[in-house]
Amino acid sequence: MAAPPDSYSLIERFPGIDDFRRLRAIAGLSPKSQEAAERGLPNTLYGVSILHEGRAIGMGRIIGDGGLCFVVVDIAVEPEHQGRGLGKRIMAALDAWLKANTPDTAHVSLIADGEARHLYAQYGFADVGPKSVGMHYVVRR
């Protein structure tokens, strides 16, 4: 049975390291090491968590330099709670923060996985191609 929408709460706080790593893994995002999470998460500019029965089941955050560049990252919702508008709640909170806290001409970006691009398009994100191409690499030792 699906949980009622009012059984979820959005809080303006990003999950701790254990929940962050768990949510990334269960939502199918790339795993992150303990060390990487310990170094990176304290640099979050703004983050939110979705709680269900007191437990983090969703998250999203914004990173960046605070003036020129901002990146929306780590949007994840546990699979059994997907399809209930929780990703939209996360994005709405992140979008509201960006609109209230970024200067004119700031660049906001993200990397969309698969069909998630349709959610992000609702908040003004557009494909940068063919003029630009998103690129990345992952450090492996």
Protein backbone atom coordinates (compact mmCIF):
# COMPACT_ATOMS: atom_id res chain seq x y z
CA MET A 1 0.00 0.00 0.00
CA ALA A 2 1.33 3.44 -0.94
CA ALA A 3 2.11 5.89 1.84
CA PRO A 4 -0.16 8.96 1.91
CA PRO A 5 1.50 12.18 0.65
CA ASP A 6 1.27 13.81 4.09
CA SER A 7 3.43 11.05 5.60
CA TYR A 8 6.49 12.66 3.95
CA SER A 9 8.25 15.75 5.23
CA LEU A 10 10.87 17.85 3.49
CA ILE A 11 13.51 19.33 5.74
CA GLU A 12 16.22 21.83 4.83
CA ARG A 13 19.09 19.62 5.85
CA PHE A 14 21.12 17.21 3.81
CA PRO A 15 21.39 13.61 5.07
CA GLY A 16 24.44 12.40 6.94
CA ILE A 17 27.16 10.37 5.26
CA ASP A 18 25.60 6.95 5.89
CA ASP A 19 22.18 7.96 4.52
CA PHE A 20 23.83 9.78 1.60
CA ARG A 21 25.78 6.69 0.57
CA ARG A 22 22.78 4.40 1.11
CA LEU A 23 20.41 6.59 -0.91
CA ARG A 24 22.86 6.91 -3.81
CA ALA A 25 23.29 3.14 -3.95
CA ILE A 26 19.62 2.20 -3.64
CA ALA A 27 18.55 4.82 -6.21
CA GLY A 28 21.04 3.51 -8.75
CA LEU A 29 23.49 6.42 -8.64
CA SER A 30 27.24 5.79 -8.68
CA PRO A 31 28.67 4.79 -5.31
CA LYS A 32 30.85 7.27 -3.40
CA SER A 33 33.58 6.35 -0.95
CA GLN A 34 33.38 7.20 2.73
CA GLU A 35 36.40 9.49 2.33
CA ALA A 36 34.88 11.35 -0.62
CA ALA A 37 31.61 11.85 1.28
CA GLU A 38 33.43 13.05 4.41
CA ARG A 39 35.33 15.64 2.38
CA GLY A 40 32.55 16.75 0.08
CA LEU A 41 29.31 16.89 2.04
CA PRO A 42 30.40 19.70 4.41
CA ASN A 43 30.79 21.90 1.30
CA THR A 44 27.10 21.67 0.44
CA LEU A 45 25.64 25.13 -0.17
CA TYR A 46 22.06 23.96 0.36
CA GLY A 47 20.49 20.56 0.76
CA VAL A 48 17.20 18.93 1.56
CA SER A 49 16.04 15.56 2.79
CA ILE A 50 12.68 13.86 2.47
CA LEU A 51 11.80 11.95 5.64
CA HIS A 52 9.28 9.14 5.96
CA GLU A 53 8.61 7.85 9.47
CA GLY A 54 11.71 9.74 10.61
CA ARG A 55 14.02 8.09 8.07
CA ALA A 56 15.71 9.76 5.09
CA ILE A 57 14.21 8.32 1.89
CA GLY A 58 15.10 11.16 -0.49
CA MET A 59 17.66 13.92 -0.94
CA GLY A 60 19.04 16.65 -3.17
CA ARG A 61 21.69 19.31 -2.82
CA ILE A 62 23.41 22.28 -4.44
CA ILE A 63 27.15 22.74 -4.62
CA GLY A 64 29.24 25.52 -6.15
CA ASP A 65 31.31 28.60 -5.53
CA GLY A 66 28.43 30.69 -4.19
CA GLY A 67 28.49 33.29 -6.95
CA LEU A 68 29.36 32.16 -10.45
CA CYS A 69 28.58 28.48 -10.66
CA PHE A 70 26.06 26.22 -8.98
CA VAL A 71 25.44 22.52 -9.60
CA VAL A 72 22.36 20.53 -8.64
CA VAL A 73 23.53 17.09 -7.51
CA ASP A 74 22.61 13.95 -5.60
CA ILE A 75 18.89 13.90 -6.36
CA ALA A 76 17.75 10.49 -5.15
CA VAL A 77 14.57 8.87 -3.86
CA GLU A 78 14.31 5.29 -2.65
CA PRO A 79 12.68 3.23 -5.42
CA GLU A 80 9.69 2.15 -3.31
CA HIS A 81 8.84 5.84 -2.73
CA GLN A 82 9.27 6.99 -6.34
CA GLY A 83 6.32 8.09 -8.44
CA ARG A 84 4.76 10.12 -5.61
CA GLY A 85 6.02 13.59 -6.56
CA LEU A 86 8.93 13.52 -4.11
CA GLY A 87 11.50 14.36 -6.79
CA LYS A 88 9.38 17.40 -7.66
CA ARG A 89 9.29 18.43 -4.00
CA ILE A 90 13.07 18.17 -3.83
CA MET A 91 13.54 20.13 -7.06
CA ALA A 92 11.02 22.80 -6.02
CA ALA A 93 12.95 23.40 -2.79
CA LEU A 94 16.31 23.54 -4.59
CA ASP A 95 14.88 25.82 -7.28
CA ALA A 96 13.40 28.20 -4.68
CA TRP A 97 16.77 28.41 -2.92
CA LEU A 98 18.57 29.10 -6.19
CA LYS A 99 16.13 31.87 -7.13
CA ALA A 100 16.56 33.49 -3.71
CA ASN A 101 20.34 33.10 -3.37
CA THR A 102 22.05 33.38 -6.74
CA PRO A 103 23.17 36.60 -8.43
CA ASP A 104 22.19 37.53 -11.97
CA THR A 105 24.25 35.69 -14.60
CA ALA A 106 25.04 32.78 -12.27
CA HIS A 107 25.37 29.49 -14.13
CA VAL A 108 23.31 26.58 -12.76
CA SER A 109 23.91 23.13 -14.18
CA LEU A 110 23.21 19.45 -13.59
CA ILE A 111 23.69 16.11 -15.26
CA ALA A 112 20.38 14.38 -15.94
CA ASP A 113 20.22 10.59 -15.93
CA GLY A 114 17.74 9.12 -18.41
CA GLU A 115 14.14 10.21 -18.12
CA ALA A 116 14.93 12.52 -15.18
CA ARG A 117 15.65 15.17 -17.81
CA HIS A 118 11.87 15.69 -18.10
CA LEU A 119 11.64 16.62 -14.41
CA TYR A 120 14.55 19.04 -14.68
CA ALA A 121 13.11 20.65 -17.81
CA GLN A 122 10.13 21.74 -15.70
CA TYR A 123 12.56 23.94 -13.76
CA GLY A 124 14.14 25.57 -16.81
CA PHE A 125 17.04 23.20 -17.45
CA ALA A 126 17.74 22.61 -21.14
CA ASP A 127 20.08 20.43 -23.15
CA VAL A 128 23.28 22.36 -23.88
CA GLY A 129 24.02 20.53 -27.15
CA PRO A 130 25.08 20.84 -29.85
CA LYS A 131 27.00 23.98 -28.87
CA SER A 132 28.28 22.43 -25.64
CA VAL A 133 28.77 18.86 -24.50
CA GLY A 134 28.61 17.72 -20.89
CA MET A 135 31.75 15.82 -19.95
CA HIS A 136 33.14 14.19 -16.82
CA TYR A 137 35.53 11.60 -15.52
CA VAL A 138 35.69 9.60 -12.30
CA VAL A 139 38.93 9.26 -10.38
CA ARG A 140 39.89 5.61 -10.05
CA ARG A 141 43.03 4.45 -8.30
